[in-house]
Amino acid sequence: MRVKAYVLTTGVLFGLLVLVHLWRFSLEGPGLWRDPFYVVSTIVPAGLFVWAWRLYRSLPR
């Protein structure tokens, strides 16, 4: 099923982006949370990851 593969792929990519942002946060410290671009570019992909995960689980096998 192509849709399921697409949802899985995009979900993994968004999850990796969030992990990279958290890794950067662990290296540079809490000062990053004052940068609105960093905050938005972490929260939006996290939401899209959760959405993709829920959608993937709801698709038929």
PDB file of N, CA and C in Angstrom:
ATOM      1  N   MET A   1       0.857  -1.174   0.000  1.00  0.00           N
ATOM      2  CA  MET A   1       0.000   0.000   0.000  1.00  0.00           C
ATOM      3  C   MET A   1       0.903   1.237   0.000  1.00  0.00           C
ATOM      4  N   ARG A   2       0.788   2.034  -1.018  1.00  0.00           N
ATOM      5  CA  ARG A   2       1.675   3.182  -1.196  1.00  0.00           C
ATOM      6  C   ARG A   2       1.441   4.284  -0.176  1.00  0.00           C
ATOM      7  N   VAL A   3       0.209   4.504   0.183  1.00  0.00           N
ATOM      8  CA  VAL A   3      -0.094   5.570   1.152  1.00  0.00           C
ATOM      9  C   VAL A   3       0.542   5.245   2.496  1.00  0.00           C
ATOM     10  N   LYS A   4       0.483   4.011   2.893  1.00  0.00           N
ATOM     11  CA  LYS A   4       1.058   3.604   4.174  1.00  0.00           C
ATOM     12  C   LYS A   4       2.577   3.797   4.161  1.00  0.00           C
ATOM     13  N   ALA A   5       3.216   3.471   3.054  1.00  0.00           N
ATOM     14  CA  ALA A   5       4.666   3.664   2.938  1.00  0.00           C
ATOM     15  C   ALA A   5       5.012   5.149   2.980  1.00  0.00           C
ATOM     16  N   TYR A   6       4.204   5.972   2.330  1.00  0.00           N
ATOM     17  CA  TYR A   6       4.440   7.415   2.334  1.00  0.00           C
ATOM     18  C   TYR A   6       4.306   7.989   3.746  1.00  0.00           C
ATOM     19  N   VAL A   7       3.251   7.596   4.441  1.00  0.00           N
ATOM     20  CA  VAL A   7       3.026   8.096   5.797  1.00  0.00           C
ATOM     21  C   VAL A   7       4.165   7.652   6.713  1.00  0.00           C
ATOM     22  N   LEU A   8       4.600   6.406   6.573  1.00  0.00           N
ATOM     23  CA  LEU A   8       5.704   5.909   7.386  1.00  0.00           C
ATOM     24  C   LEU A   8       6.995   6.676   7.101  1.00  0.00           C
ATOM     25  N   THR A   9       7.286   6.907   5.828  1.00  0.00           N
ATOM     26  CA  THR A   9       8.508   7.614   5.445  1.00  0.00           C
ATOM     27  C   THR A   9       8.511   9.047   5.958  1.00  0.00           C
ATOM     28  N   THR A  10       7.427   9.763   5.751  1.00  0.00           N
ATOM     29  CA  THR A  10       7.381  11.152   6.215  1.00  0.00           C
ATOM     30  C   THR A  10       7.399  11.221   7.737  1.00  0.00           C
ATOM     31  N   GLY A  11       6.735  10.271   8.394  1.00  0.00           N
ATOM     32  CA  GLY A  11       6.760  10.249   9.852  1.00  0.00           C
ATOM     33  C   GLY A  11       8.163  10.036  10.397  1.00  0.00           C
ATOM     34  N   VAL A  12       8.902   9.129   9.769  1.00  0.00           N
ATOM     35  CA  VAL A  12      10.284   8.875  10.194  1.00  0.00           C
ATOM     36  C   VAL A  12      11.138  10.117   9.970  1.00  0.00           C
ATOM     37  N   LEU A  13      10.972  10.790   8.841  1.00  0.00           N
ATOM     38  CA  LEU A  13      11.758  11.996   8.565  1.00  0.00           C
ATOM     39  C   LEU A  13      11.457  13.109   9.571  1.00  0.00           C
ATOM     40  N   PHE A  14      10.191  13.305   9.887  1.00  0.00           N
ATOM     41  CA  PHE A  14       9.844  14.318  10.884  1.00  0.00           C
ATOM     42  C   PHE A  14      10.386  13.940  12.261  1.00  0.00           C
ATOM     43  N   GLY A  15      10.326  12.663  12.593  1.00  0.00           N
ATOM     44  CA  GLY A  15      10.875  12.210  13.862  1.00  0.00           C
ATOM     45  C   GLY A  15      12.381  12.427  13.942  1.00  0.00           C
ATOM     46  N   LEU A  16      13.083  12.170  12.846  1.00  0.00           N
ATOM     47  CA  LEU A  16      14.532  12.396  12.820  1.00  0.00           C
ATOM     48  C   LEU A  16      14.858  13.879  12.975  1.00  0.00           C
ATOM     49  N   LEU A  17      14.061  14.729  12.348  1.00  0.00           N
ATOM     50  CA  LEU A  17      14.276  16.165  12.475  1.00  0.00           C
ATOM     51  C   LEU A  17      14.122  16.611  13.930  1.00  0.00           C
ATOM     52  N   VAL A  18      13.121  16.095  14.603  1.00  0.00           N
ATOM     53  CA  VAL A  18      12.921  16.436  16.019  1.00  0.00           C
ATOM     54  C   VAL A  18      14.098  15.924  16.851  1.00  0.00           C
ATOM     55  N   LEU A  19      14.563  14.717  16.560  1.00  0.00           N
ATOM     56  CA  LEU A  19      15.717  14.182  17.305  1.00  0.00           C
ATOM     57  C   LEU A  19      16.966  15.030  17.106  1.00  0.00           C
ATOM     58  N   VAL A  20      17.178  15.502  15.887  1.00  0.00           N
ATOM     59  CA  VAL A  20      18.335  16.363  15.615  1.00  0.00           C
ATOM     60  C   VAL A  20      18.209  17.673  16.392  1.00  0.00           C
ATOM     61  N   HIS A  21      16.999  18.217  16.443  1.00  0.00           N
ATOM     62  CA  HIS A  21      16.797  19.454  17.200  1.00  0.00           C
ATOM     63  C   HIS A  21      17.031  19.236  18.686  1.00  0.00           C
ATOM     64  N   LEU A  22      16.586  18.106  19.218  1.00  0.00           N
ATOM     65  CA  LEU A  22      16.817  17.820  20.634  1.00  0.00           C
ATOM     66  C   LEU A  22      18.301  17.592  20.910  1.00  0.00           C
ATOM     67  N   TRP A  23      18.988  16.970  19.983  1.00  0.00           N
ATOM     68  CA  TRP A  23      20.431  16.766  20.121  1.00  0.00           C
ATOM     69  C   TRP A  23      21.150  18.117  20.126  1.00  0.00           C
ATOM     70  N   ARG A  24      20.752  19.001  19.209  1.00  0.00           N
ATOM     71  CA  ARG A  24      21.350  20.343  19.170  1.00  0.00           C
ATOM     72  C   ARG A  24      21.074  21.090  20.474  1.00  0.00           C
ATOM     73  N   PHE A  25      19.857  20.945  20.997  1.00  0.00           N
ATOM     74  CA  PHE A  25      19.506  21.573  22.266  1.00  0.00           C
ATOM     75  C   PHE A  25      20.398  21.060  23.390  1.00  0.00           C
ATOM     76  N   SER A  26      20.684  19.755  23.380  1.00  0.00           N
ATOM     77  CA  SER A  26      21.528  19.194  24.439  1.00  0.00           C
ATOM     78  C   SER A  26      22.966  19.709  24.334  1.00  0.00           C
ATOM     79  N   LEU A  27      23.401  20.051  23.131  1.00  0.00           N
ATOM     80  CA  LEU A  27      24.756  20.555  22.948  1.00  0.00           C
ATOM     81  C   LEU A  27      24.876  22.054  23.257  1.00  0.00           C
ATOM     82  N   GLU A  28      23.882  22.838  22.835  1.00  0.00           N
ATOM     83  CA  GLU A  28      23.979  24.291  22.937  1.00  0.00           C
ATOM     84  C   GLU A  28      23.293  24.881  24.160  1.00  0.00           C
ATOM     85  N   GLY A  29      22.400  24.149  24.782  1.00  0.00           N
ATOM     86  CA  GLY A  29      21.770  24.614  26.007  1.00  0.00           C
ATOM     87  C   GLY A  29      20.433  25.305  25.805  1.00  0.00           C
ATOM     88  N   PRO A  30      19.828  25.725  26.905  1.00  0.00           N
ATOM     89  CA  PRO A  30      18.470  26.265  26.875  1.00  0.00           C
ATOM     90  C   PRO A  30      18.341  27.637  26.195  1.00  0.00           C
ATOM     91  N   GLY A  31      19.433  28.264  25.825  1.00  0.00           N
ATOM     92  CA  GLY A  31      19.345  29.547  25.129  1.00  0.00           C
ATOM     93  C   GLY A  31      18.660  29.448  23.779  1.00  0.00           C
ATOM     94  N   LEU A  32      18.611  28.244  23.212  1.00  0.00           N
ATOM     95  CA  LEU A  32      17.944  28.056  21.916  1.00  0.00           C
ATOM     96  C   LEU A  32      16.449  28.318  21.997  1.00  0.00           C
ATOM     97  N   TRP A  33      15.847  28.141  23.171  1.00  0.00           N
ATOM     98  CA  TRP A  33      14.405  28.342  23.294  1.00  0.00           C
ATOM     99  C   TRP A  33      14.008  29.809  23.164  1.00  0.00           C
ATOM    100  N   ARG A  34      14.981  30.707  23.145  1.00  0.00           N
ATOM    101  CA  ARG A  34      14.665  32.122  22.916  1.00  0.00           C
ATOM    102  C   ARG A  34      14.577  32.446  21.430  1.00  0.00           C
ATOM    103  N   ASP A  35      14.985  31.528  20.589  1.00  0.00           N
ATOM    104  CA  ASP A  35      14.929  31.715  19.136  1.00  0.00           C
ATOM    105  C   ASP A  35      13.591  31.189  18.621  1.00  0.00           C
ATOM    106  N   PRO A  36      12.691  32.082  18.183  1.00  0.00           N
ATOM    107  CA  PRO A  36      11.358  31.623  17.765  1.00  0.00           C
ATOM    108  C   PRO A  36      11.396  30.674  16.569  1.00  0.00           C
ATOM    109  N   PHE A  37      12.334  30.858  15.657  1.00  0.00           N
ATOM    110  CA  PHE A  37      12.430  29.951  14.508  1.00  0.00           C
ATOM    111  C   PHE A  37      12.777  28.539  14.973  1.00  0.00           C
ATOM    112  N   TYR A  38      13.682  28.420  15.921  1.00  0.00           N
ATOM    113  CA  TYR A  38      14.067  27.109  16.450  1.00  0.00           C
ATOM    114  C   TYR A  38      12.876  26.433  17.131  1.00  0.00           C
ATOM    115  N   VAL A  39      12.140  27.196  17.899  1.00  0.00           N
ATOM    116  CA  VAL A  39      10.994  26.640  18.618  1.00  0.00           C
ATOM    117  C   VAL A  39       9.936  26.147  17.640  1.00  0.00           C
ATOM    118  N   VAL A  40       9.595  26.976  16.660  1.00  0.00           N
ATOM    119  CA  VAL A  40       8.576  26.593  15.679  1.00  0.00           C
ATOM    120  C   VAL A  40       9.046  25.410  14.847  1.00  0.00           C
ATOM    121  N   SER A  41      10.330  25.427  14.458  1.00  0.00           N
ATOM    122  CA  SER A  41      10.835  24.348  13.619  1.00  0.00           C
ATOM    123  C   SER A  41      11.103  23.070  14.417  1.00  0.00           C
ATOM    124  N   THR A  42      10.836  23.083  15.705  1.00  0.00           N
ATOM    125  CA  THR A  42      10.881  21.868  16.520  1.00  0.00           C
ATOM    126  C   THR A  42       9.466  21.386  16.830  1.00  0.00           C
ATOM    127  N   ILE A  43       8.584  22.311  17.172  1.00  0.00           N
ATOM    128  CA  ILE A  43       7.227  21.935  17.571  1.00  0.00           C
ATOM    129  C   ILE A  43       6.392  21.457  16.383  1.00  0.00           C
ATOM    130  N   VAL A  44       6.490  22.131  15.253  1.00  0.00           N
ATOM    131  CA  VAL A  44       5.690  21.741  14.087  1.00  0.00           C
ATOM    132  C   VAL A  44       6.054  20.333  13.608  1.00  0.00           C
ATOM    133  N   PRO A  45       7.332  20.017  13.397  1.00  0.00           N
ATOM    134  CA  PRO A  45       7.646  18.634  12.997  1.00  0.00           C
ATOM    135  C   PRO A  45       7.272  17.596  14.059  1.00  0.00           C
ATOM    136  N   ALA A  46       7.345  17.965  15.336  1.00  0.00           N
ATOM    137  CA  ALA A  46       6.925  17.031  16.385  1.00  0.00           C
ATOM    138  C   ALA A  46       5.433  16.721  16.252  1.00  0.00           C
ATOM    139  N   GLY A  47       4.646  17.745  15.989  1.00  0.00           N
ATOM    140  CA  GLY A  47       3.214  17.534  15.769  1.00  0.00           C
ATOM    141  C   GLY A  47       2.933  16.711  14.534  1.00  0.00           C
ATOM    142  N   LEU A  48       3.676  16.974  13.463  1.00  0.00           N
ATOM    143  CA  LEU A  48       3.499  16.198  12.235  1.00  0.00           C
ATOM    144  C   LEU A  48       3.931  14.747  12.421  1.00  0.00           C
ATOM    145  N   PHE A  49       4.963  14.524  13.244  1.00  0.00           N
ATOM    146  CA  PHE A  49       5.384  13.160  13.554  1.00  0.00           C
ATOM    147  C   PHE A  49       4.272  12.403  14.285  1.00  0.00           C
ATOM    148  N   VAL A  50       3.688  13.042  15.291  1.00  0.00           N
ATOM    149  CA  VAL A  50       2.599  12.407  16.047  1.00  0.00           C
ATOM    150  C   VAL A  50       1.414  12.132  15.134  1.00  0.00           C
ATOM    151  N   TRP A  51       1.088  13.093  14.290  1.00  0.00           N
ATOM    152  CA  TRP A  51      -0.024  12.925  13.354  1.00  0.00           C
ATOM    153  C   TRP A  51       0.245  11.754  12.401  1.00  0.00           C
ATOM    154  N   ALA A  52       1.456  11.673  11.841  1.00  0.00           N
ATOM    155  CA  ALA A  52       1.800  10.585  10.923  1.00  0.00           C
ATOM    156  C   ALA A  52       1.747   9.238  11.643  1.00  0.00           C
ATOM    157  N   TRP A  53       2.223   9.194  12.877  1.00  0.00           N
ATOM    158  CA  TRP A  53       2.208   7.947  13.637  1.00  0.00           C
ATOM    159  C   TRP A  53       0.775   7.472  13.881  1.00  0.00           C
ATOM    160  N   ARG A  54      -0.092   8.406  14.273  1.00  0.00           N
ATOM    161  CA  ARG A  54      -1.493   8.037  14.512  1.00  0.00           C
ATOM    162  C   ARG A  54      -2.189   7.616  13.227  1.00  0.00           C
ATOM    163  N   LEU A  55      -1.895   8.320  12.137  1.00  0.00           N
ATOM    164  CA  LEU A  55      -2.491   7.967  10.854  1.00  0.00           C
ATOM    165  C   LEU A  55      -1.998   6.606  10.383  1.00  0.00           C
ATOM    166  N   TYR A  56      -0.724   6.342  10.550  1.00  0.00           N
ATOM    167  CA  TYR A  56      -0.140   5.059  10.148  1.00  0.00           C
ATOM    168  C   TYR A  56      -0.808   3.902  10.895  1.00  0.00           C
ATOM    169  N   ARG A  57      -1.032   4.100  12.179  1.00  0.00           N
ATOM    170  CA  ARG A  57      -1.654   3.042  12.982  1.00  0.00           C
ATOM    171  C   ARG A  57      -3.126   2.828  12.636  1.00  0.00           C
ATOM    172  N   SER A  58      -3.771   3.865  12.085  1.00  0.00           N
ATOM    173  CA  SER A  58      -5.189   3.730  11.761  1.00  0.00           C
ATOM    174  C   SER A  58      -5.432   3.169  10.358  1.00  0.00           C
ATOM    175  N   LEU A  59      -4.386   3.128   9.516  1.00  0.00           N
ATOM    176  CA  LEU A  59      -4.558   2.601   8.175  1.00  0.00           C
ATOM    177  C   LEU A  59      -4.700   1.071   8.209  1.00  0.00           C
ATOM    178  N   PRO A  60      -5.511   0.525   7.305  1.00  0.00           N
ATOM    179  CA  PRO A  60      -5.657  -0.943   7.289  1.00  0.00           C
ATOM    180  C   PRO A  60      -4.372  -1.635   6.842  1.00  0.00           C
ATOM    181  N   ARG A  61      -4.209  -2.834   7.297  1.00  0.00           N
ATOM    182  CA  ARG A  61      -3.023  -3.607   6.935  1.00  0.00           C
ATOM    183  C   ARG A  61      -3.210  -4.106   5.564  1.00  0.00           C
TER     184      ARG A  61
END
